N, C-alpha and C. Protein backbone atom coordinates (compact mmCIF):
# COMPACT_ATOMS: atom_id res chain seq x y z
N MET A 1 180.10 198.76 23.26
CA MET A 1 178.72 198.14 24.19
C MET A 1 177.76 198.24 23.29
N GLU A 2 177.05 197.52 23.50
CA GLU A 2 175.59 196.98 22.73
C GLU A 2 174.97 198.07 23.69
N GLY A 3 173.80 198.33 22.83
CA GLY A 3 172.79 199.41 23.47
C GLY A 3 172.04 200.13 22.88
N SER A 4 171.39 200.85 23.74
CA SER A 4 170.61 202.10 23.07
C SER A 4 172.06 203.59 22.96
N ALA A 5 172.91 203.38 24.11
CA ALA A 5 173.61 204.24 24.53
C ALA A 5 174.54 204.46 23.38
N ARG A 6 174.77 203.65 22.81
CA ARG A 6 175.91 203.42 21.28
C ARG A 6 174.78 203.86 19.92
N ASP A 7 173.93 202.95 20.21
CA ASP A 7 173.03 203.12 18.87
C ASP A 7 172.17 204.70 18.64
N SER A 8 171.82 205.92 19.91
CA SER A 8 171.10 206.60 19.73
C SER A 8 171.95 207.99 19.31
N VAL A 9 173.35 207.49 19.58
CA VAL A 9 174.26 209.01 19.22
C VAL A 9 175.24 208.41 18.36
N GLY A 10 175.53 206.95 17.96
CA GLY A 10 176.23 206.93 16.90
C GLY A 10 177.56 206.68 17.19
N THR A 11 178.73 206.81 17.82
CA THR A 11 179.73 206.75 18.47
C THR A 11 179.82 206.72 20.14
N GLN A 12 180.83 205.63 20.56
CA GLN A 12 180.66 205.50 22.05
C GLN A 12 181.39 206.64 22.62
N SER A 13 182.39 207.79 21.73
CA SER A 13 183.09 208.78 22.16
C SER A 13 181.84 209.94 22.88
N SER A 14 180.40 209.81 22.27
CA SER A 14 179.55 211.18 22.19
C SER A 14 179.07 210.75 24.11
N TRP A 15 178.95 209.80 24.26
CA TRP A 15 178.42 208.97 25.87
C TRP A 15 180.23 209.20 26.73
N LEU A 16 181.21 208.51 26.43
CA LEU A 16 182.37 207.81 27.27
C LEU A 16 183.04 209.34 27.78
N ARG A 17 182.77 210.24 28.14
CA ARG A 17 183.39 211.69 28.37
C ARG A 17 182.59 212.15 29.73
N CYS A 18 183.74 212.94 30.46
CA CYS A 18 183.26 213.55 31.69
C CYS A 18 182.01 214.62 31.24
N TYR A 19 180.68 214.72 31.94
CA TYR A 19 179.50 214.93 31.61
C TYR A 19 179.75 216.85 31.96
N ARG A 20 180.95 216.72 32.57
CA ARG A 20 181.11 218.36 33.42
C ARG A 20 182.32 219.06 32.48
N CYS A 21 183.39 218.41 31.76
CA CYS A 21 184.42 219.35 30.99
C CYS A 21 184.49 218.43 29.80
N TRP A 22 183.49 217.33 29.33
CA TRP A 22 183.98 216.72 28.12
C TRP A 22 185.13 215.98 27.85
N SER A 23 186.33 215.83 28.95
CA SER A 23 187.24 215.18 29.35
C SER A 23 186.83 213.73 28.67
N GLN A 24 188.16 212.78 28.04
CA GLN A 24 187.74 211.92 28.01
C GLN A 24 189.04 211.55 28.91
N ASN A 25 189.41 211.85 29.87
CA ASN A 25 190.58 211.19 30.45
C ASN A 25 190.15 210.60 31.80
N LEU A 26 189.76 209.89 31.63
CA LEU A 26 188.55 208.81 32.48
C LEU A 26 189.41 208.01 33.61
N GLU A 27 189.09 207.57 34.50
CA GLU A 27 189.96 206.21 35.16
C GLU A 27 188.45 205.46 36.35
N VAL A 28 188.77 204.50 36.28
CA VAL A 28 187.91 203.62 37.51
C VAL A 28 188.57 203.85 38.91
N GLN A 29 188.05 204.03 39.86
CA GLN A 29 188.68 203.94 40.76
C GLN A 29 187.86 202.22 41.68
N LEU A 30 188.66 201.62 41.87
CA LEU A 30 187.64 200.16 42.56
C LEU A 30 188.07 200.21 43.76
N HIS A 31 187.26 199.93 44.44
CA HIS A 31 187.38 200.23 46.29
C HIS A 31 186.37 198.24 46.69
N TYR A 32 187.30 197.40 46.94
CA TYR A 32 187.12 196.55 47.34
C TYR A 32 187.26 195.86 48.69
N GLU A 33 186.45 195.45 49.74
CA GLU A 33 186.49 194.83 50.70
C GLU A 33 186.17 193.30 50.92
N GLY A 34 186.49 192.46 51.61
CA GLY A 34 185.64 191.18 51.57
C GLY A 34 186.58 190.51 53.00
N HIS A 35 185.83 189.71 53.06
CA HIS A 35 186.52 188.73 54.02
C HIS A 35 186.18 187.00 53.58
N LEU A 36 187.74 186.43 53.48
CA LEU A 36 187.77 185.00 53.06
C LEU A 36 188.15 184.19 54.31
N ARG A 37 187.78 183.06 54.40
CA ARG A 37 187.97 181.77 54.87
C ARG A 37 189.48 181.47 54.39
N VAL A 38 190.13 180.89 56.03
CA VAL A 38 191.49 180.54 55.51
C VAL A 38 191.16 179.09 55.92
N ASP A 39 191.71 178.39 54.84
CA ASP A 39 191.86 176.96 54.78
C ASP A 39 193.00 176.21 55.87
N PRO A 40 192.70 175.57 56.59
CA PRO A 40 194.30 175.52 57.61
C PRO A 40 194.78 174.64 57.22
N GLY A 41 194.29 173.58 56.19
CA GLY A 41 195.20 172.64 55.62
C GLY A 41 196.10 173.41 54.76
N THR A 42 195.80 174.28 54.11
CA THR A 42 196.90 175.15 53.48
C THR A 42 197.56 176.02 53.29
N GLY A 43 196.41 177.36 53.90
CA GLY A 43 196.70 178.41 54.85
C GLY A 43 196.44 179.84 53.22
N GLU A 44 195.54 179.05 52.55
CA GLU A 44 195.19 179.44 51.70
C GLU A 44 193.85 180.40 51.91
N ALA A 45 193.61 181.49 51.55
CA ALA A 45 192.06 182.72 51.67
C ALA A 45 191.51 182.25 50.56
N VAL A 46 190.19 181.43 50.88
CA VAL A 46 189.56 180.60 49.86
C VAL A 46 187.89 181.16 50.97
N ASP A 47 186.99 181.06 49.98
CA ASP A 47 185.17 181.03 49.80
C ASP A 47 185.52 182.13 50.49
N ALA A 48 184.72 183.23 49.67
CA ALA A 48 184.50 184.70 50.28
C ALA A 48 183.07 184.46 51.08
N VAL A 49 183.33 184.91 52.04
CA VAL A 49 182.76 185.25 53.45
C VAL A 49 181.23 186.14 52.94
N GLU A 50 182.13 187.31 52.64
CA GLU A 50 181.49 188.24 52.47
C GLU A 50 182.17 189.51 51.87
N GLU A 51 181.75 190.06 50.01
CA GLU A 51 182.71 190.89 49.39
C GLU A 51 181.87 192.04 48.97
N VAL A 52 182.27 193.41 49.00
CA VAL A 52 181.81 194.68 48.69
C VAL A 52 182.71 195.37 47.65
N GLN A 53 181.95 195.52 46.08
CA GLN A 53 183.28 195.78 45.37
C GLN A 53 182.16 196.94 44.82
N GLU A 54 182.84 198.51 45.18
CA GLU A 54 182.16 199.56 44.46
C GLU A 54 183.36 199.74 43.57
N ALA A 55 182.57 200.32 42.26
CA ALA A 55 183.52 201.15 41.66
C ALA A 55 183.07 202.53 40.86
N VAL A 56 183.92 203.42 40.91
CA VAL A 56 183.31 204.75 41.05
C VAL A 56 184.44 205.54 39.19
N VAL A 57 183.96 206.30 38.54
CA VAL A 57 184.41 206.50 37.34
C VAL A 57 184.88 208.14 37.46
N GLN A 58 186.02 208.50 37.41
CA GLN A 58 185.91 209.84 37.58
C GLN A 58 187.09 210.28 36.75
N CYS A 59 186.81 211.76 36.22
CA CYS A 59 187.26 212.34 35.48
C CYS A 59 189.12 212.68 36.14
N LEU A 60 190.05 212.70 35.47
CA LEU A 60 191.02 212.91 35.87
C LEU A 60 191.72 214.47 35.62
N ASP A 61 190.83 215.22 35.08
CA ASP A 61 191.01 216.47 34.90
C ASP A 61 190.35 217.40 35.16
N CYS A 62 189.05 217.54 35.78
CA CYS A 62 188.31 217.96 36.78
C CYS A 62 187.52 217.39 38.24
N LEU A 63 188.33 216.12 37.76
CA LEU A 63 188.42 214.78 39.32
C LEU A 63 186.35 214.74 40.07
N HIS A 64 186.27 215.41 38.98
CA HIS A 64 184.38 215.10 38.87
C HIS A 64 184.16 213.31 38.85
N ASP A 65 183.32 213.05 40.06
CA ASP A 65 182.63 211.38 39.68
C ASP A 65 181.81 211.15 38.43
N GLN A 66 181.74 210.33 37.66
CA GLN A 66 180.75 210.22 36.53
C GLN A 66 179.26 209.42 36.73
N PRO A 67 178.70 209.68 37.57
CA PRO A 67 177.42 209.03 38.03
C PRO A 67 176.91 208.30 36.56
N HIS A 68 177.02 209.20 35.20
CA HIS A 68 176.42 208.53 34.14
C HIS A 68 177.37 207.15 33.66
N LEU A 69 177.71 206.78 33.89
CA LEU A 69 178.77 205.93 33.75
C LEU A 69 179.12 204.79 34.76
N SER A 70 178.77 203.45 34.08
CA SER A 70 179.22 201.97 35.04
C SER A 70 180.22 201.40 34.91
N LEU A 71 180.48 200.35 35.87
CA LEU A 71 181.81 199.35 35.21
C LEU A 71 181.07 197.87 35.17
N ALA A 72 181.06 197.61 34.55
CA ALA A 72 180.79 196.18 34.27
C ALA A 72 181.27 194.98 33.99
N SER A 73 181.66 193.77 34.66
CA SER A 73 182.58 193.08 34.29
C SER A 73 181.67 191.79 33.93
N PHE A 74 182.25 190.93 32.70
CA PHE A 74 181.84 189.49 32.30
C PHE A 74 182.77 188.82 32.72
N GLU A 75 182.73 187.36 31.79
CA GLU A 75 183.48 186.83 31.30
C GLU A 75 183.33 186.71 29.60
N GLU A 76 183.82 186.42 28.96
CA GLU A 76 183.78 186.18 27.35
C GLU A 76 185.35 185.12 27.24
N ASN A 77 184.95 184.31 26.21
CA ASN A 77 185.72 183.31 26.25
C ASN A 77 186.98 182.71 27.41
N GLY A 78 186.58 182.80 28.14
CA GLY A 78 187.43 182.32 29.78
C GLY A 78 187.86 183.58 29.98
N ARG A 79 187.53 184.77 30.13
CA ARG A 79 188.56 186.02 30.37
C ARG A 79 187.51 186.69 30.55
N ARG A 80 188.44 187.17 32.05
CA ARG A 80 187.30 188.28 32.33
C ARG A 80 187.51 189.61 31.88
N ILE A 81 186.54 190.48 31.75
CA ILE A 81 186.44 191.63 31.04
C ILE A 81 186.02 192.54 31.69
N SER A 82 186.40 193.48 32.16
CA SER A 82 185.85 195.11 32.65
C SER A 82 185.38 196.02 31.92
N ARG A 83 184.18 196.83 31.30
CA ARG A 83 183.74 197.65 30.33
C ARG A 83 182.99 198.85 31.05
N ILE A 84 183.32 199.60 30.44
CA ILE A 84 182.46 201.29 30.87
C ILE A 84 181.27 200.73 30.45
N GLU A 85 180.07 201.48 30.91
CA GLU A 85 178.94 201.11 30.26
C GLU A 85 178.42 202.64 31.00
N ALA A 86 177.34 203.17 29.97
CA ALA A 86 176.75 204.48 30.10
C ALA A 86 175.66 204.02 31.02
N VAL A 87 174.73 204.79 31.79
CA VAL A 87 173.52 204.80 32.57
C VAL A 87 172.46 205.20 31.59
N GLU A 88 171.72 204.34 31.46
CA GLU A 88 170.73 204.57 30.55
C GLU A 88 170.02 205.96 31.02
N ASP A 89 169.15 205.73 32.60
CA ASP A 89 168.37 206.98 32.39
C ASP A 89 169.27 208.17 33.33
N ARG A 90 170.47 208.08 32.91
CA ARG A 90 171.21 209.69 33.17
C ARG A 90 172.77 210.08 32.41
N TRP A 91 172.82 209.22 31.26
CA TRP A 91 173.72 209.98 29.87
C TRP A 91 173.92 210.86 29.76
N GLU A 92 172.62 210.93 29.11
CA GLU A 92 171.96 211.74 27.49
C GLU A 92 171.59 213.05 28.23
N ARG A 93 170.90 212.79 29.14
CA ARG A 93 170.99 213.80 29.99
C ARG A 93 171.67 214.59 30.23
N MET A 94 172.71 214.14 31.04
CA MET A 94 173.84 214.82 31.47
C MET A 94 175.17 215.16 30.64
N VAL A 95 174.88 214.32 29.52
CA VAL A 95 176.54 214.78 28.96
C VAL A 95 175.45 215.87 27.34
N THR A 96 174.69 215.69 27.09
CA THR A 96 173.69 216.54 26.27
C THR A 96 173.22 217.99 26.90
N GLY A 97 172.81 217.61 27.84
CA GLY A 97 172.15 218.91 28.66
C GLY A 97 173.16 219.65 28.96
N THR A 98 172.56 220.93 29.79
CA THR A 98 173.14 221.59 30.59
C THR A 98 173.42 222.26 31.59
N PRO A 99 174.05 222.61 32.70
CA PRO A 99 173.63 222.73 33.93
C PRO A 99 172.63 224.02 34.09
N TRP A 100 171.67 223.33 35.03
CA TRP A 100 170.68 224.12 35.54
C TRP A 100 170.79 224.39 37.67
N VAL A 101 170.42 225.59 37.82
CA VAL A 101 170.63 225.95 39.10
C VAL A 101 169.41 226.14 40.16
N ALA A 102 169.06 225.27 41.12
CA ALA A 102 167.81 225.49 41.78
C ALA A 102 167.70 226.02 42.77
N SER A 103 166.90 227.20 43.61
CA SER A 103 167.15 227.31 44.79
C SER A 103 166.13 226.57 45.28
N CYS A 104 165.90 225.74 46.39
CA CYS A 104 164.96 224.89 46.56
C CYS A 104 164.85 224.67 48.06
N THR A 105 164.31 223.94 48.81
CA THR A 105 164.07 223.77 50.36
C THR A 105 163.70 222.32 50.38
N VAL A 106 163.76 220.96 50.94
CA VAL A 106 163.75 219.94 51.25
C VAL A 106 163.33 219.71 52.72
N GLY A 107 162.07 219.11 52.91
CA GLY A 107 161.50 218.86 53.98
C GLY A 107 161.72 217.54 54.58
N VAL A 108 162.87 216.66 55.30
CA VAL A 108 162.91 215.54 56.09
C VAL A 108 162.79 215.81 57.59
N GLU A 109 162.54 214.34 57.58
CA GLU A 109 162.35 213.80 58.74
C GLU A 109 163.82 213.75 59.70
N GLY A 110 163.44 214.21 60.64
CA GLY A 110 165.39 214.65 61.64
C GLY A 110 166.04 213.21 61.96
N ASP A 111 165.25 212.16 61.56
CA ASP A 111 166.34 210.91 61.76
C ASP A 111 166.90 210.76 60.32
N GLN A 112 166.38 211.32 59.39
CA GLN A 112 167.17 211.05 58.45
C GLN A 112 168.43 211.74 58.01
N VAL A 113 168.80 212.81 58.93
CA VAL A 113 170.01 213.11 58.89
C VAL A 113 170.97 212.94 59.94
N GLU A 114 172.12 212.26 59.23
CA GLU A 114 172.59 211.69 60.45
C GLU A 114 173.39 212.32 61.57
N SER A 115 174.03 214.02 60.27
CA SER A 115 174.59 215.10 61.52
C SER A 115 174.46 215.89 61.34
N CYS A 116 173.74 217.00 61.51
CA CYS A 116 174.03 218.30 61.45
C CYS A 116 174.53 219.62 61.68
N SER A 117 175.75 218.84 62.22
CA SER A 117 176.86 220.32 62.63
C SER A 117 178.32 219.39 62.61
N GLY A 118 179.21 220.13 62.65
CA GLY A 118 180.28 219.32 62.18
C GLY A 118 180.87 219.58 61.01
N PRO A 119 182.47 219.52 60.31
CA PRO A 119 182.48 219.50 59.15
C PRO A 119 181.82 219.02 57.71
N GLU A 120 180.97 217.63 58.02
CA GLU A 120 180.71 216.82 57.17
C GLU A 120 179.36 216.63 56.94
N SER A 121 178.40 217.88 57.95
CA SER A 121 177.07 218.40 58.04
C SER A 121 176.52 218.26 56.21
N ALA A 122 177.30 219.31 56.00
CA ALA A 122 176.42 219.79 54.71
C ALA A 122 176.41 218.33 53.76
N ASP A 123 177.47 217.41 53.54
CA ASP A 123 177.39 216.14 52.79
C ASP A 123 176.13 215.54 53.70
N HIS A 124 175.81 215.36 55.06
CA HIS A 124 174.39 214.62 55.34
C HIS A 124 173.51 215.35 55.56
N LEU A 125 173.49 216.63 55.25
CA LEU A 125 172.29 217.17 54.80
C LEU A 125 171.71 216.97 53.13
N ALA A 126 172.72 217.10 52.36
CA ALA A 126 172.28 217.12 51.03
C ALA A 126 171.95 215.60 50.98
N TYR A 127 172.55 214.30 51.68
CA TYR A 127 172.03 213.24 51.24
C TYR A 127 170.69 212.92 51.85
N ALA A 128 170.12 213.28 52.91
CA ALA A 128 168.92 213.08 53.47
C ALA A 128 168.06 213.97 52.54
N ALA A 129 168.54 215.41 52.10
CA ALA A 129 167.92 215.48 50.94
C ALA A 129 167.40 214.95 49.99
N PHE A 130 168.76 214.05 49.07
CA PHE A 130 168.40 213.62 47.50
C PHE A 130 169.03 212.35 47.52
N GLY A 131 169.16 212.02 48.66
CA GLY A 131 170.26 210.42 48.81
C GLY A 131 171.36 210.80 48.26
N GLU A 132 171.57 209.73 47.36
CA GLU A 132 173.22 209.20 46.41
C GLU A 132 172.96 210.86 45.59
N HIS A 133 172.04 211.18 44.98
CA HIS A 133 171.93 212.14 43.95
C HIS A 133 172.83 213.38 44.46
N GLY A 134 172.70 213.38 45.54
CA GLY A 134 172.94 214.87 46.41
C GLY A 134 174.30 214.59 46.75
N THR A 135 174.87 213.83 46.75
CA THR A 135 176.24 213.45 47.35
C THR A 135 177.06 212.43 45.84
N ARG A 136 176.19 212.68 44.98
CA ARG A 136 177.45 212.09 43.56
C ARG A 136 176.95 213.10 42.27
N GLU A 137 175.75 213.21 42.05
CA GLU A 137 175.69 213.74 40.68
C GLU A 137 175.04 214.90 40.89
N PHE A 138 174.99 215.67 41.71
CA PHE A 138 174.12 217.05 42.11
C PHE A 138 175.35 217.67 42.85
N PHE A 139 175.45 219.24 42.37
CA PHE A 139 176.26 220.05 43.38
C PHE A 139 175.65 220.94 44.21
N THR A 140 175.76 220.29 45.31
CA THR A 140 175.23 221.31 46.42
C THR A 140 175.57 222.30 47.02
N HIS A 141 174.50 223.27 48.02
CA HIS A 141 175.29 223.84 48.53
C HIS A 141 174.27 224.66 49.53
N VAL A 142 174.49 224.05 50.99
CA VAL A 142 173.65 223.84 51.73
C VAL A 142 173.95 225.58 52.41
N ARG A 143 172.77 226.24 52.12
CA ARG A 143 172.60 227.58 52.93
C ARG A 143 172.41 227.41 54.39
N PHE A 144 171.33 226.73 54.60
CA PHE A 144 170.83 226.80 56.02
C PHE A 144 169.94 225.52 56.49
N HIS A 145 169.77 225.13 57.47
CA HIS A 145 168.80 224.22 57.68
C HIS A 145 167.97 225.07 59.19
N LYS A 146 166.98 224.22 59.06
CA LYS A 146 165.70 224.64 60.39
C LYS A 146 165.24 223.65 60.89
N HIS A 147 165.51 223.57 62.42
CA HIS A 147 164.75 222.55 62.71
C HIS A 147 162.75 223.05 63.45
N ASP A 148 162.09 222.30 62.90
CA ASP A 148 160.86 222.54 63.03
C ASP A 148 160.14 221.74 64.21
N ASP A 149 159.34 222.40 65.20
CA ASP A 149 158.66 221.96 66.04
C ASP A 149 158.52 220.35 66.01
N ASP A 150 157.95 220.02 64.68
CA ASP A 150 157.46 218.34 64.78
C ASP A 150 158.12 217.68 64.10
N GLY A 151 159.48 218.05 64.44
CA GLY A 151 160.77 216.84 64.43
C GLY A 151 161.26 216.89 63.11
N THR A 152 160.77 217.44 62.10
CA THR A 152 161.31 217.37 60.74
C THR A 152 162.56 218.70 59.94
N ILE A 153 162.96 218.78 59.60
CA ILE A 153 164.27 219.61 59.42
C ILE A 153 163.90 220.24 58.11
N ALA A 154 163.93 221.44 57.92
CA ALA A 154 163.72 222.17 56.90
C ALA A 154 165.31 222.57 55.83
N ILE A 155 165.62 222.04 55.18
CA ILE A 155 166.99 222.36 54.61
C ILE A 155 166.88 223.15 53.41
N HIS A 156 167.50 224.06 53.20
CA HIS A 156 167.20 225.09 51.93
C HIS A 156 168.99 225.47 51.60
N MET A 157 168.96 224.71 49.94
CA MET A 157 169.83 224.85 49.61
C MET A 157 170.00 225.78 47.76
N LEU A 158 171.07 225.48 47.64
CA LEU A 158 171.32 225.94 45.82
C LEU A 158 171.80 224.31 45.95
N VAL A 159 171.07 223.82 44.38
CA VAL A 159 171.36 222.75 43.80
C VAL A 159 171.85 222.86 42.11
N GLU A 160 173.05 222.47 41.48
CA GLU A 160 173.08 222.32 40.13
C GLU A 160 173.45 221.08 40.07
N LEU A 161 172.27 220.92 38.78
CA LEU A 161 172.54 219.75 37.80
C LEU A 161 172.24 219.78 36.81
N TYR A 162 172.61 219.00 35.45
CA TYR A 162 172.51 218.63 34.54
C TYR A 162 171.14 218.17 33.72
N SER A 163 170.67 219.17 32.77
CA SER A 163 169.13 218.26 32.39
C SER A 163 169.02 219.37 30.82
N ARG A 164 168.17 218.66 29.96
CA ARG A 164 167.97 219.32 28.76
C ARG A 164 166.79 220.17 28.69
N SER A 165 166.12 220.22 29.65
CA SER A 165 165.41 221.68 29.89
C SER A 165 164.59 221.94 31.10
N ALA A 166 164.21 222.70 31.59
CA ALA A 166 163.63 223.48 33.14
C ALA A 166 162.60 221.82 33.45
N GLU A 167 161.90 221.60 32.50
CA GLU A 167 160.91 220.23 33.26
C GLU A 167 161.68 219.46 33.59
N GLU A 168 162.55 218.96 32.57
CA GLU A 168 163.14 217.75 33.43
C GLU A 168 164.23 218.06 34.52
N ALA A 169 164.87 219.32 34.53
CA ALA A 169 165.68 219.67 36.12
C ALA A 169 164.71 219.44 37.00
N SER A 170 163.27 219.70 36.48
CA SER A 170 162.39 219.85 38.00
C SER A 170 161.85 218.09 38.26
N GLU A 171 161.45 217.92 37.24
CA GLU A 171 161.70 216.00 37.33
C GLU A 171 162.28 215.26 38.02
N VAL A 172 163.77 215.22 37.67
CA VAL A 172 164.71 214.97 38.06
C VAL A 172 164.82 215.29 40.38
N LEU A 173 164.74 216.55 39.86
CA LEU A 173 164.81 216.91 41.51
C LEU A 173 163.86 216.18 42.58
N GLU A 174 162.34 216.10 41.67
CA GLU A 174 161.62 215.83 41.94
C GLU A 174 161.68 214.15 42.76
N SER A 175 161.90 213.29 41.41
CA SER A 175 162.30 211.92 41.34
C SER A 175 163.13 211.99 42.87
N ALA A 176 164.37 212.83 43.07
CA ALA A 176 165.08 212.63 44.12
C ALA A 176 165.14 212.82 45.37
N SER A 177 163.97 214.05 45.02
CA SER A 177 163.69 214.28 46.75
C SER A 177 163.00 213.29 47.92
N ARG A 178 164.03 213.44 48.87
CA ARG A 178 163.45 212.35 49.92
C ARG A 178 162.20 212.60 50.95
N GLY A 179 162.00 213.93 50.51
CA GLY A 179 161.03 214.46 51.45
C GLY A 179 160.54 215.67 50.64
N GLU A 180 159.83 216.56 51.46
CA GLU A 180 158.83 217.64 50.56
C GLU A 180 159.59 218.71 49.88
N LEU A 181 159.25 218.43 48.49
CA LEU A 181 160.36 219.38 47.74
C LEU A 181 159.75 221.05 47.59
N ALA A 182 160.00 222.20 47.66
CA ALA A 182 159.91 223.38 47.44
C ALA A 182 161.30 223.89 46.50
N ILE A 183 160.72 224.22 45.16
CA ILE A 183 161.45 224.91 44.41
C ILE A 183 161.03 226.27 43.94
N THR A 184 162.13 227.13 45.07
CA THR A 184 161.38 228.50 44.32
C THR A 184 162.09 229.25 43.69
N SER A 185 163.48 228.94 42.68
CA SER A 185 163.71 229.62 41.62
C SER A 185 164.50 228.09 40.84
N LEU A 186 164.57 228.73 39.66
CA LEU A 186 165.32 227.26 38.60
C LEU A 186 166.04 228.48 37.52
N ALA A 187 167.71 228.07 36.95
CA ALA A 187 168.00 228.84 35.98
C ALA A 187 169.22 227.96 35.45
N GLU A 188 169.18 228.48 34.35
CA GLU A 188 169.95 227.43 33.08
C GLU A 188 171.07 228.13 33.56
N GLU A 189 172.81 227.44 33.24
CA GLU A 189 173.81 228.43 33.11
C GLU A 189 174.28 227.84 32.29
N SER A 190 175.43 229.10 31.88
CA SER A 190 176.48 227.85 30.47
C SER A 190 177.60 227.07 31.15
N ARG A 191 177.48 226.11 30.11
CA ARG A 191 178.65 225.21 30.54
C ARG A 191 179.38 225.43 30.80
N PRO A 192 180.54 224.86 31.49
CA PRO A 192 182.20 225.05 31.51
C PRO A 192 182.40 224.47 30.53
N PRO A 193 183.86 225.41 30.17
CA PRO A 193 184.55 225.56 29.24
C PRO A 193 185.00 223.84 29.12
N ALA A 194 185.13 223.60 27.70
CA ALA A 194 185.37 221.87 27.37
C ALA A 194 186.98 221.52 27.78
N SER A 195 187.27 220.26 28.02
CA SER A 195 188.89 220.64 28.84
C SER A 195 189.35 220.10 27.47
N GLY A 196 190.40 221.16 27.21
CA GLY A 196 191.63 220.67 25.83
C GLY A 196 190.86 221.22 24.67
N ALA A 197 191.05 220.35 23.92
CA ALA A 197 190.53 221.46 22.18
C ALA A 197 189.31 220.05 21.49
N SER A 198 189.16 218.92 22.62
CA SER A 198 187.94 218.39 22.26
C SER A 198 186.40 219.19 22.72
N GLU A 199 185.60 218.63 21.67
CA GLU A 199 184.18 219.19 21.43
C GLU A 199 183.35 218.59 21.30
N PRO A 200 182.10 218.48 22.10
CA PRO A 200 181.03 217.57 21.97
C PRO A 200 180.62 216.99 20.63
N HIS A 201 179.96 216.21 20.07
CA HIS A 201 179.38 215.90 18.89
C HIS A 201 177.88 215.72 19.04
């Protein structure tokens, strides 16, 4: 990989690892959905009308998604190559940081919550509070939520996120919040044990 992720740490293995357990046993899960026109003369499915491809990097040891890594695909010497790259605004904070747990409340408009009851309600509430961060990067535990008279919903939760300092953790929560955020406590936790014998650089 060209760029600052390799240059600033020195080796690819410093960032190409699970941010939670440091395992390098990773896989890319590709989800593809496409609509192709059918050529009536040959029966071939050609000319994509619509294509959606999502790539998720997952750790095979602890089964967590890796939102600090992304899949880049490009042509090189007539050959299509796919390579994992570090997401510049996340990788260093998540790989070299430690877990912080915040007790917080986010007030959101009621129409931002898809559903606040049923088995998937916690995911819907976490997404309403923090968007993709709430379902992919943060570990959220929704304690309870309250419907206010003005149509807003106050979502009370515990959030675990990775950062290098309390200030950075607060900034990440504030930038991800999709409503009015109030942090009542923020504490550093111990990092889970590294997977196997490998240690971070």
